[in-house]
Amino acid sequence: MQAFIAQKQTEILARAIETVTSCPDGTLAGEAHRLAGTLGTYQLIGAEAALRSLEAIAAAPDASTEGIHQARVDTLAALSGVARDLDARTGGESRA
């Protein structure tokens, strides 16, 4: 069962990284909100927090293109770190 959960965590993290990378600014807040909920469900708390922060920045009425870009960079770094940690905990088995 734990291997299944680790595999799902890996899949969700990959989807989150792809979405944060490619999502247009105009829909980023909604996508970040949706992904944060899914990540939280799978107990990826660090990733969830990073997406909540991205959501807040992207949804702010005074959000700038530069601010959103930096928030994307920061979020992608956090998500990549969570993915590395997951691989270290599972010995990479979650990618099998």
N, C-alpha and C. Protein backbone atom coordinates (compact mmCIF):
# COMPACT_ATOMS: atom_id res chain seq x y z
N MET A 1 0.83 -1.20 0.00
CA MET A 1 0.00 0.00 0.00
C MET A 1 0.87 1.26 0.00
N GLN A 2 1.96 1.23 0.76
CA GLN A 2 2.83 2.41 0.80
C GLN A 2 3.50 2.66 -0.54
N ALA A 3 3.82 1.59 -1.26
CA ALA A 3 4.42 1.75 -2.58
C ALA A 3 3.41 2.42 -3.53
N PHE A 4 2.15 2.05 -3.41
CA PHE A 4 1.11 2.67 -4.23
C PHE A 4 1.01 4.16 -3.93
N ILE A 5 1.00 4.50 -2.65
CA ILE A 5 0.91 5.91 -2.26
C ILE A 5 2.12 6.69 -2.75
N ALA A 6 3.31 6.11 -2.59
CA ALA A 6 4.53 6.78 -3.07
C ALA A 6 4.48 7.00 -4.57
N GLN A 7 3.97 6.02 -5.31
CA GLN A 7 3.84 6.17 -6.75
C GLN A 7 2.86 7.29 -7.10
N LYS A 8 1.73 7.34 -6.40
CA LYS A 8 0.75 8.40 -6.64
C LYS A 8 1.34 9.77 -6.29
N GLN A 9 2.10 9.84 -5.19
CA GLN A 9 2.74 11.09 -4.82
C GLN A 9 3.67 11.56 -5.94
N THR A 10 4.44 10.64 -6.48
CA THR A 10 5.36 10.97 -7.57
C THR A 10 4.61 11.47 -8.79
N GLU A 11 3.53 10.79 -9.14
CA GLU A 11 2.73 11.19 -10.30
C GLU A 11 2.13 12.58 -10.10
N ILE A 12 1.62 12.83 -8.92
CA ILE A 12 1.00 14.13 -8.63
C ILE A 12 2.03 15.24 -8.64
N LEU A 13 3.20 14.97 -8.08
CA LEU A 13 4.27 15.97 -8.11
C LEU A 13 4.68 16.28 -9.55
N ALA A 14 4.79 15.26 -10.38
CA ALA A 14 5.15 15.48 -11.79
C ALA A 14 4.08 16.32 -12.48
N ARG A 15 2.82 16.02 -12.22
CA ARG A 15 1.73 16.80 -12.81
C ARG A 15 1.76 18.25 -12.31
N ALA A 16 2.06 18.42 -11.04
CA ALA A 16 2.13 19.78 -10.49
C ALA A 16 3.26 20.57 -11.14
N ILE A 17 4.41 19.93 -11.30
CA ILE A 17 5.55 20.62 -11.93
C ILE A 17 5.20 21.00 -13.36
N GLU A 18 4.60 20.10 -14.10
CA GLU A 18 4.20 20.40 -15.48
C GLU A 18 3.19 21.53 -15.53
N THR A 19 2.21 21.51 -14.65
CA THR A 19 1.17 22.54 -14.64
C THR A 19 1.75 23.90 -14.28
N VAL A 20 2.57 23.95 -13.24
CA VAL A 20 3.16 25.23 -12.84
C VAL A 20 4.05 25.78 -13.95
N THR A 21 4.72 24.90 -14.66
CA THR A 21 5.61 25.33 -15.74
C THR A 21 4.83 25.90 -16.92
N SER A 22 3.71 25.26 -17.27
CA SER A 22 3.05 25.61 -18.53
C SER A 22 1.75 26.41 -18.41
N CYS A 23 1.21 26.53 -17.23
CA CYS A 23 -0.08 27.18 -17.05
C CYS A 23 0.00 28.69 -17.33
N PRO A 24 -0.94 29.23 -18.08
CA PRO A 24 -0.97 30.68 -18.30
C PRO A 24 -1.22 31.43 -16.98
N ASP A 25 -0.69 32.62 -16.89
CA ASP A 25 -0.85 33.43 -15.68
C ASP A 25 -2.31 33.57 -15.26
N GLY A 26 -3.19 33.73 -16.23
CA GLY A 26 -4.60 34.00 -15.94
C GLY A 26 -5.33 32.86 -15.24
N THR A 27 -4.86 31.65 -15.41
CA THR A 27 -5.52 30.50 -14.76
C THR A 27 -4.64 29.87 -13.69
N LEU A 28 -3.51 30.47 -13.42
CA LEU A 28 -2.55 29.89 -12.49
C LEU A 28 -3.08 29.78 -11.06
N ALA A 29 -3.79 30.79 -10.59
CA ALA A 29 -4.30 30.75 -9.21
C ALA A 29 -5.25 29.57 -9.01
N GLY A 30 -6.17 29.38 -9.95
CA GLY A 30 -7.11 28.27 -9.86
C GLY A 30 -6.44 26.91 -9.94
N GLU A 31 -5.48 26.77 -10.83
CA GLU A 31 -4.74 25.52 -10.96
C GLU A 31 -3.92 25.25 -9.71
N ALA A 32 -3.30 26.28 -9.17
CA ALA A 32 -2.51 26.12 -7.94
C ALA A 32 -3.41 25.69 -6.79
N HIS A 33 -4.59 26.26 -6.71
CA HIS A 33 -5.55 25.89 -5.66
C HIS A 33 -5.93 24.41 -5.77
N ARG A 34 -6.27 23.98 -6.97
CA ARG A 34 -6.67 22.59 -7.20
C ARG A 34 -5.53 21.63 -6.86
N LEU A 35 -4.33 21.95 -7.34
CA LEU A 35 -3.18 21.08 -7.07
C LEU A 35 -2.82 21.05 -5.60
N ALA A 36 -2.92 22.18 -4.93
CA ALA A 36 -2.61 22.22 -3.49
C ALA A 36 -3.51 21.26 -2.73
N GLY A 37 -4.78 21.24 -3.08
CA GLY A 37 -5.70 20.32 -2.42
C GLY A 37 -5.32 18.87 -2.65
N THR A 38 -4.97 18.54 -3.87
CA THR A 38 -4.59 17.17 -4.19
C THR A 38 -3.29 16.79 -3.47
N LEU A 39 -2.32 17.69 -3.48
CA LEU A 39 -1.05 17.42 -2.82
C LEU A 39 -1.25 17.23 -1.32
N GLY A 40 -2.13 18.01 -0.73
CA GLY A 40 -2.42 17.87 0.69
C GLY A 40 -3.08 16.55 1.00
N THR A 41 -3.97 16.10 0.12
CA THR A 41 -4.64 14.81 0.30
C THR A 41 -3.62 13.68 0.36
N TYR A 42 -2.56 13.80 -0.42
CA TYR A 42 -1.52 12.78 -0.44
C TYR A 42 -0.37 13.10 0.53
N GLN A 43 -0.62 13.98 1.48
CA GLN A 43 0.30 14.30 2.57
C GLN A 43 1.63 14.87 2.09
N LEU A 44 1.61 15.59 1.00
CA LEU A 44 2.79 16.28 0.51
C LEU A 44 2.70 17.73 0.98
N ILE A 45 2.91 17.89 2.27
CA ILE A 45 2.64 19.16 2.95
C ILE A 45 3.53 20.29 2.43
N GLY A 46 4.81 20.02 2.22
CA GLY A 46 5.70 21.07 1.70
C GLY A 46 5.28 21.53 0.32
N ALA A 47 4.87 20.60 -0.53
CA ALA A 47 4.41 20.94 -1.87
C ALA A 47 3.09 21.71 -1.80
N GLU A 48 2.22 21.27 -0.89
CA GLU A 48 0.94 21.96 -0.72
C GLU A 48 1.18 23.42 -0.32
N ALA A 49 2.08 23.63 0.62
CA ALA A 49 2.36 24.99 1.08
C ALA A 49 2.91 25.85 -0.04
N ALA A 50 3.79 25.28 -0.87
CA ALA A 50 4.35 26.04 -1.98
C ALA A 50 3.26 26.44 -2.97
N LEU A 51 2.33 25.54 -3.24
CA LEU A 51 1.23 25.85 -4.16
C LEU A 51 0.27 26.87 -3.56
N ARG A 52 0.03 26.82 -2.26
CA ARG A 52 -0.84 27.82 -1.61
C ARG A 52 -0.22 29.21 -1.72
N SER A 53 1.10 29.28 -1.56
CA SER A 53 1.78 30.56 -1.70
C SER A 53 1.68 31.07 -3.14
N LEU A 54 1.91 30.18 -4.09
CA LEU A 54 1.78 30.57 -5.50
C LEU A 54 0.37 31.04 -5.80
N GLU A 55 -0.61 30.33 -5.28
CA GLU A 55 -2.01 30.72 -5.48
C GLU A 55 -2.26 32.14 -4.98
N ALA A 56 -1.77 32.42 -3.77
CA ALA A 56 -2.00 33.75 -3.18
C ALA A 56 -1.35 34.85 -4.02
N ILE A 57 -0.15 34.59 -4.50
CA ILE A 57 0.55 35.60 -5.30
C ILE A 57 -0.16 35.79 -6.64
N ALA A 58 -0.53 34.69 -7.29
CA ALA A 58 -1.17 34.78 -8.61
C ALA A 58 -2.56 35.40 -8.53
N ALA A 59 -3.25 35.22 -7.39
CA ALA A 59 -4.61 35.75 -7.24
C ALA A 59 -4.64 37.19 -6.72
N ALA A 60 -3.52 37.71 -6.29
CA ALA A 60 -3.49 39.06 -5.73
C ALA A 60 -3.88 40.08 -6.80
N PRO A 61 -4.72 41.04 -6.44
CA PRO A 61 -5.17 42.03 -7.42
C PRO A 61 -4.02 42.85 -8.02
N ASP A 62 -2.95 42.98 -7.26
CA ASP A 62 -1.81 43.76 -7.75
C ASP A 62 -0.66 42.89 -8.25
N ALA A 63 -0.96 41.64 -8.60
CA ALA A 63 0.07 40.72 -9.07
C ALA A 63 0.70 41.24 -10.36
N SER A 64 2.02 41.20 -10.39
CA SER A 64 2.75 41.61 -11.59
C SER A 64 3.28 40.37 -12.30
N THR A 65 3.56 40.54 -13.56
CA THR A 65 4.14 39.45 -14.34
C THR A 65 5.45 38.98 -13.72
N GLU A 66 6.26 39.93 -13.28
CA GLU A 66 7.54 39.59 -12.67
C GLU A 66 7.34 38.84 -11.35
N GLY A 67 6.37 39.27 -10.56
CA GLY A 67 6.09 38.62 -9.29
C GLY A 67 5.59 37.19 -9.49
N ILE A 68 4.73 37.01 -10.47
CA ILE A 68 4.22 35.67 -10.78
C ILE A 68 5.36 34.79 -11.29
N HIS A 69 6.21 35.35 -12.14
CA HIS A 69 7.34 34.58 -12.64
C HIS A 69 8.23 34.10 -11.49
N GLN A 70 8.55 34.99 -10.57
CA GLN A 70 9.40 34.61 -9.45
C GLN A 70 8.71 33.58 -8.56
N ALA A 71 7.42 33.73 -8.37
CA ALA A 71 6.67 32.75 -7.58
C ALA A 71 6.69 31.38 -8.25
N ARG A 72 6.61 31.35 -9.58
CA ARG A 72 6.72 30.08 -10.31
C ARG A 72 8.08 29.44 -10.06
N VAL A 73 9.13 30.24 -10.19
CA VAL A 73 10.50 29.74 -9.99
C VAL A 73 10.63 29.16 -8.58
N ASP A 74 10.16 29.90 -7.59
CA ASP A 74 10.25 29.45 -6.20
C ASP A 74 9.44 28.17 -5.97
N THR A 75 8.25 28.13 -6.56
CA THR A 75 7.39 26.95 -6.41
C THR A 75 8.00 25.73 -7.08
N LEU A 76 8.53 25.91 -8.27
CA LEU A 76 9.18 24.79 -8.96
C LEU A 76 10.37 24.27 -8.18
N ALA A 77 11.13 25.16 -7.56
CA ALA A 77 12.26 24.73 -6.73
C ALA A 77 11.76 23.91 -5.53
N ALA A 78 10.69 24.38 -4.91
CA ALA A 78 10.13 23.66 -3.76
C ALA A 78 9.59 22.30 -4.18
N LEU A 79 8.87 22.24 -5.30
CA LEU A 79 8.32 20.97 -5.77
C LEU A 79 9.42 19.99 -6.14
N SER A 80 10.47 20.49 -6.77
CA SER A 80 11.61 19.62 -7.11
C SER A 80 12.28 19.08 -5.86
N GLY A 81 12.38 19.91 -4.83
CA GLY A 81 12.95 19.46 -3.57
C GLY A 81 12.10 18.37 -2.91
N VAL A 82 10.81 18.54 -2.95
CA VAL A 82 9.91 17.51 -2.39
C VAL A 82 10.06 16.21 -3.18
N ALA A 83 10.17 16.32 -4.51
CA ALA A 83 10.33 15.12 -5.34
C ALA A 83 11.65 14.42 -5.01
N ARG A 84 12.72 15.17 -4.82
CA ARG A 84 14.01 14.57 -4.45
C ARG A 84 13.91 13.87 -3.10
N ASP A 85 13.25 14.53 -2.14
CA ASP A 85 13.07 13.93 -0.82
C ASP A 85 12.26 12.64 -0.91
N LEU A 86 11.22 12.63 -1.72
CA LEU A 86 10.40 11.44 -1.89
C LEU A 86 11.23 10.31 -2.50
N ASP A 87 12.02 10.63 -3.51
CA ASP A 87 12.89 9.61 -4.11
C ASP A 87 13.89 9.07 -3.10
N ALA A 88 14.43 9.95 -2.26
CA ALA A 88 15.39 9.50 -1.24
C ALA A 88 14.73 8.58 -0.23
N ARG A 89 13.49 8.89 0.15
CA ARG A 89 12.78 8.05 1.13
C ARG A 89 12.40 6.69 0.55
N THR A 90 12.08 6.67 -0.73
CA THR A 90 11.60 5.43 -1.35
C THR A 90 12.69 4.71 -2.12
N GLY A 91 13.87 5.28 -2.16
CA GLY A 91 14.94 4.67 -2.96
C GLY A 91 14.65 4.71 -4.44
N GLY A 92 13.82 5.66 -4.84
CA GLY A 92 13.44 5.79 -6.25
C GLY A 92 12.38 4.78 -6.67
N GLU A 93 11.91 3.96 -5.72
CA GLU A 93 10.92 2.94 -6.05
C GLU A 93 9.60 3.53 -6.53
N SER A 94 9.32 4.76 -6.15
CA SER A 94 8.06 5.37 -6.53
C SER A 94 8.00 5.65 -8.04
N ARG A 95 9.13 5.61 -8.68
CA ARG A 95 9.18 5.86 -10.13
C ARG A 95 9.15 4.57 -10.94
N ALA A 96 9.15 3.45 -10.28
CA ALA A 96 9.20 2.16 -10.99
C ALA A 96 7.90 1.85 -11.70
